[in-house]
N, C-alpha and C. Protein backbone atom coordinates (compact mmCIF):
# COMPACT_ATOMS: atom_id res chain seq x y z
N MET A 1 0.85 -1.18 0.00
CA MET A 1 0.00 0.00 0.00
C MET A 1 0.89 1.23 0.00
N TYR A 2 0.54 2.18 -0.79
CA TYR A 2 1.29 3.44 -0.88
C TYR A 2 0.87 4.37 0.24
N ARG A 3 1.81 5.08 0.79
CA ARG A 3 1.54 6.05 1.86
C ARG A 3 1.92 7.44 1.37
N ALA A 4 1.03 8.39 1.52
CA ALA A 4 1.28 9.75 1.05
C ALA A 4 2.59 10.29 1.62
N GLY A 5 3.34 10.98 0.79
CA GLY A 5 4.60 11.55 1.23
C GLY A 5 5.80 10.69 0.90
N LEU A 6 5.58 9.43 0.60
CA LEU A 6 6.68 8.54 0.22
C LEU A 6 6.66 8.38 -1.29
N THR A 7 7.83 8.29 -1.89
CA THR A 7 7.91 8.14 -3.33
C THR A 7 8.40 6.75 -3.67
N ALA A 8 8.01 6.26 -4.83
CA ALA A 8 8.45 4.94 -5.27
C ALA A 8 9.97 4.95 -5.36
N PRO A 9 10.70 3.92 -5.00
CA PRO A 9 10.17 2.63 -4.55
C PRO A 9 9.92 2.55 -3.05
N GLU A 10 9.67 3.67 -2.40
CA GLU A 10 9.37 3.65 -0.97
C GLU A 10 7.87 3.47 -0.77
N TYR A 11 7.49 2.59 0.12
CA TYR A 11 6.09 2.46 0.48
C TYR A 11 5.97 1.84 1.85
N PHE A 12 4.83 2.02 2.46
CA PHE A 12 4.58 1.53 3.82
C PHE A 12 3.50 0.47 3.75
N CYS A 13 3.74 -0.67 4.40
CA CYS A 13 2.76 -1.76 4.45
C CYS A 13 2.16 -1.77 5.86
N PRO A 14 0.99 -1.16 6.07
CA PRO A 14 0.44 -1.07 7.42
C PRO A 14 0.08 -2.42 8.03
N GLU A 15 -0.28 -3.40 7.19
CA GLU A 15 -0.62 -4.72 7.72
C GLU A 15 0.56 -5.36 8.43
N LEU A 16 1.75 -5.17 7.89
CA LEU A 16 2.97 -5.76 8.47
C LEU A 16 3.77 -4.74 9.26
N LYS A 17 3.36 -3.48 9.23
CA LYS A 17 4.07 -2.39 9.89
C LYS A 17 5.53 -2.33 9.42
N LEU A 18 5.71 -2.38 8.11
CA LEU A 18 7.04 -2.35 7.51
C LEU A 18 7.14 -1.19 6.53
N LEU A 19 8.30 -0.56 6.48
CA LEU A 19 8.59 0.47 5.50
C LEU A 19 9.59 -0.12 4.52
N VAL A 20 9.24 -0.12 3.25
CA VAL A 20 10.12 -0.67 2.22
C VAL A 20 10.73 0.49 1.46
N MET A 21 12.07 0.52 1.42
CA MET A 21 12.81 1.56 0.71
C MET A 21 13.80 0.87 -0.20
N GLY A 22 13.45 0.77 -1.49
CA GLY A 22 14.32 0.07 -2.41
C GLY A 22 14.43 -1.39 -2.03
N LYS A 23 15.65 -1.88 -1.84
CA LYS A 23 15.83 -3.28 -1.47
C LYS A 23 15.86 -3.50 0.04
N TYR A 24 15.67 -2.43 0.82
CA TYR A 24 15.71 -2.54 2.28
C TYR A 24 14.31 -2.45 2.87
N THR A 25 14.06 -3.25 3.89
CA THR A 25 12.79 -3.23 4.60
C THR A 25 13.07 -2.88 6.05
N TYR A 26 12.35 -1.91 6.57
CA TYR A 26 12.55 -1.45 7.94
C TYR A 26 11.29 -1.64 8.76
N LYS A 27 11.45 -2.09 9.99
CA LYS A 27 10.34 -2.14 10.93
C LYS A 27 10.47 -0.90 11.81
N PRO A 28 9.44 -0.07 11.86
CA PRO A 28 9.54 1.16 12.67
C PRO A 28 9.88 0.86 14.13
N GLN A 29 10.73 1.67 14.70
CA GLN A 29 11.07 1.60 16.12
C GLN A 29 10.92 3.00 16.69
N TYR A 30 10.64 3.08 17.95
CA TYR A 30 10.46 4.37 18.60
C TYR A 30 11.36 4.43 19.82
N GLY A 31 11.89 5.58 20.12
CA GLY A 31 12.81 5.68 21.24
C GLY A 31 12.82 7.07 21.84
N VAL A 32 13.56 7.17 22.91
CA VAL A 32 13.74 8.43 23.62
C VAL A 32 15.23 8.61 23.87
N ILE A 33 15.74 9.80 23.65
CA ILE A 33 17.14 10.08 23.93
C ILE A 33 17.20 10.93 25.20
N VAL A 34 18.01 10.51 26.14
CA VAL A 34 18.20 11.24 27.39
C VAL A 34 19.59 11.88 27.34
N ILE A 35 19.66 13.18 27.50
CA ILE A 35 20.95 13.89 27.49
C ILE A 35 21.48 13.91 28.91
N CYS A 36 22.66 13.31 29.11
CA CYS A 36 23.27 13.21 30.44
C CYS A 36 24.40 14.23 30.57
N THR A 37 24.66 14.64 31.79
CA THR A 37 25.73 15.62 32.02
C THR A 37 27.12 14.99 31.93
N ASP A 38 27.22 13.69 32.26
CA ASP A 38 28.52 13.02 32.20
C ASP A 38 28.30 11.50 32.18
N GLU A 39 29.41 10.76 32.08
CA GLU A 39 29.35 9.31 32.00
C GLU A 39 28.75 8.68 33.25
N LYS A 40 29.04 9.26 34.39
CA LYS A 40 28.51 8.74 35.66
C LYS A 40 26.98 8.81 35.68
N GLU A 41 26.44 9.94 35.25
CA GLU A 41 24.98 10.07 35.19
C GLU A 41 24.39 9.12 34.15
N GLN A 42 25.07 8.96 33.02
CA GLN A 42 24.62 8.04 31.98
C GLN A 42 24.50 6.63 32.55
N GLN A 43 25.50 6.20 33.29
CA GLN A 43 25.49 4.86 33.87
C GLN A 43 24.35 4.71 34.88
N ALA A 44 24.15 5.71 35.72
CA ALA A 44 23.09 5.65 36.74
C ALA A 44 21.71 5.57 36.08
N ILE A 45 21.49 6.38 35.06
CA ILE A 45 20.19 6.37 34.37
C ILE A 45 20.00 5.05 33.64
N TYR A 46 21.05 4.56 33.00
CA TYR A 46 20.98 3.26 32.31
C TYR A 46 20.56 2.17 33.29
N GLU A 47 21.23 2.10 34.42
CA GLU A 47 20.93 1.05 35.40
C GLU A 47 19.51 1.17 35.94
N ARG A 48 19.05 2.40 36.17
CA ARG A 48 17.68 2.60 36.67
C ARG A 48 16.64 2.16 35.64
N LEU A 49 16.83 2.54 34.38
CA LEU A 49 15.87 2.16 33.35
C LEU A 49 15.93 0.67 33.04
N LYS A 50 17.12 0.09 33.07
CA LYS A 50 17.27 -1.35 32.85
C LYS A 50 16.53 -2.13 33.94
N ALA A 51 16.62 -1.65 35.18
CA ALA A 51 15.93 -2.30 36.31
C ALA A 51 14.41 -2.26 36.12
N GLU A 52 13.92 -1.27 35.36
CA GLU A 52 12.49 -1.17 35.07
C GLU A 52 12.08 -2.10 33.93
N GLY A 53 13.05 -2.80 33.34
CA GLY A 53 12.75 -3.76 32.28
C GLY A 53 12.74 -3.20 30.88
N LEU A 54 13.28 -1.99 30.70
CA LEU A 54 13.30 -1.38 29.37
C LEU A 54 14.45 -1.92 28.53
N THR A 55 14.27 -1.91 27.21
CA THR A 55 15.32 -2.28 26.27
C THR A 55 16.09 -1.01 25.95
N LEU A 56 17.41 -1.05 26.15
CA LEU A 56 18.23 0.15 26.03
C LEU A 56 19.40 -0.03 25.07
N LYS A 57 19.85 1.08 24.50
CA LYS A 57 21.08 1.14 23.73
C LYS A 57 21.87 2.32 24.27
N VAL A 58 23.15 2.12 24.53
CA VAL A 58 24.01 3.19 25.04
C VAL A 58 24.74 3.82 23.86
N VAL A 59 24.74 5.16 23.82
CA VAL A 59 25.49 5.88 22.78
C VAL A 59 26.32 6.98 23.42
N SER A 60 27.44 7.27 22.79
CA SER A 60 28.30 8.39 23.20
C SER A 60 28.69 9.14 21.94
N VAL A 61 28.47 10.45 21.95
CA VAL A 61 28.84 11.26 20.79
C VAL A 61 29.65 12.45 21.21
């Protein structure tokens, strides 16, 4: 199914919740970025959210 705003060969399949872009297929993911003041705060927040059962990815830029 075509979704407004996307151009061929990009399209969104709502039944499967997949976005097809050329030869790549993506499943939408949603996330939140928390800006930490330092590495120590990053670790503390990571541990707190992990204890709540959340799936996390750590990044440093």
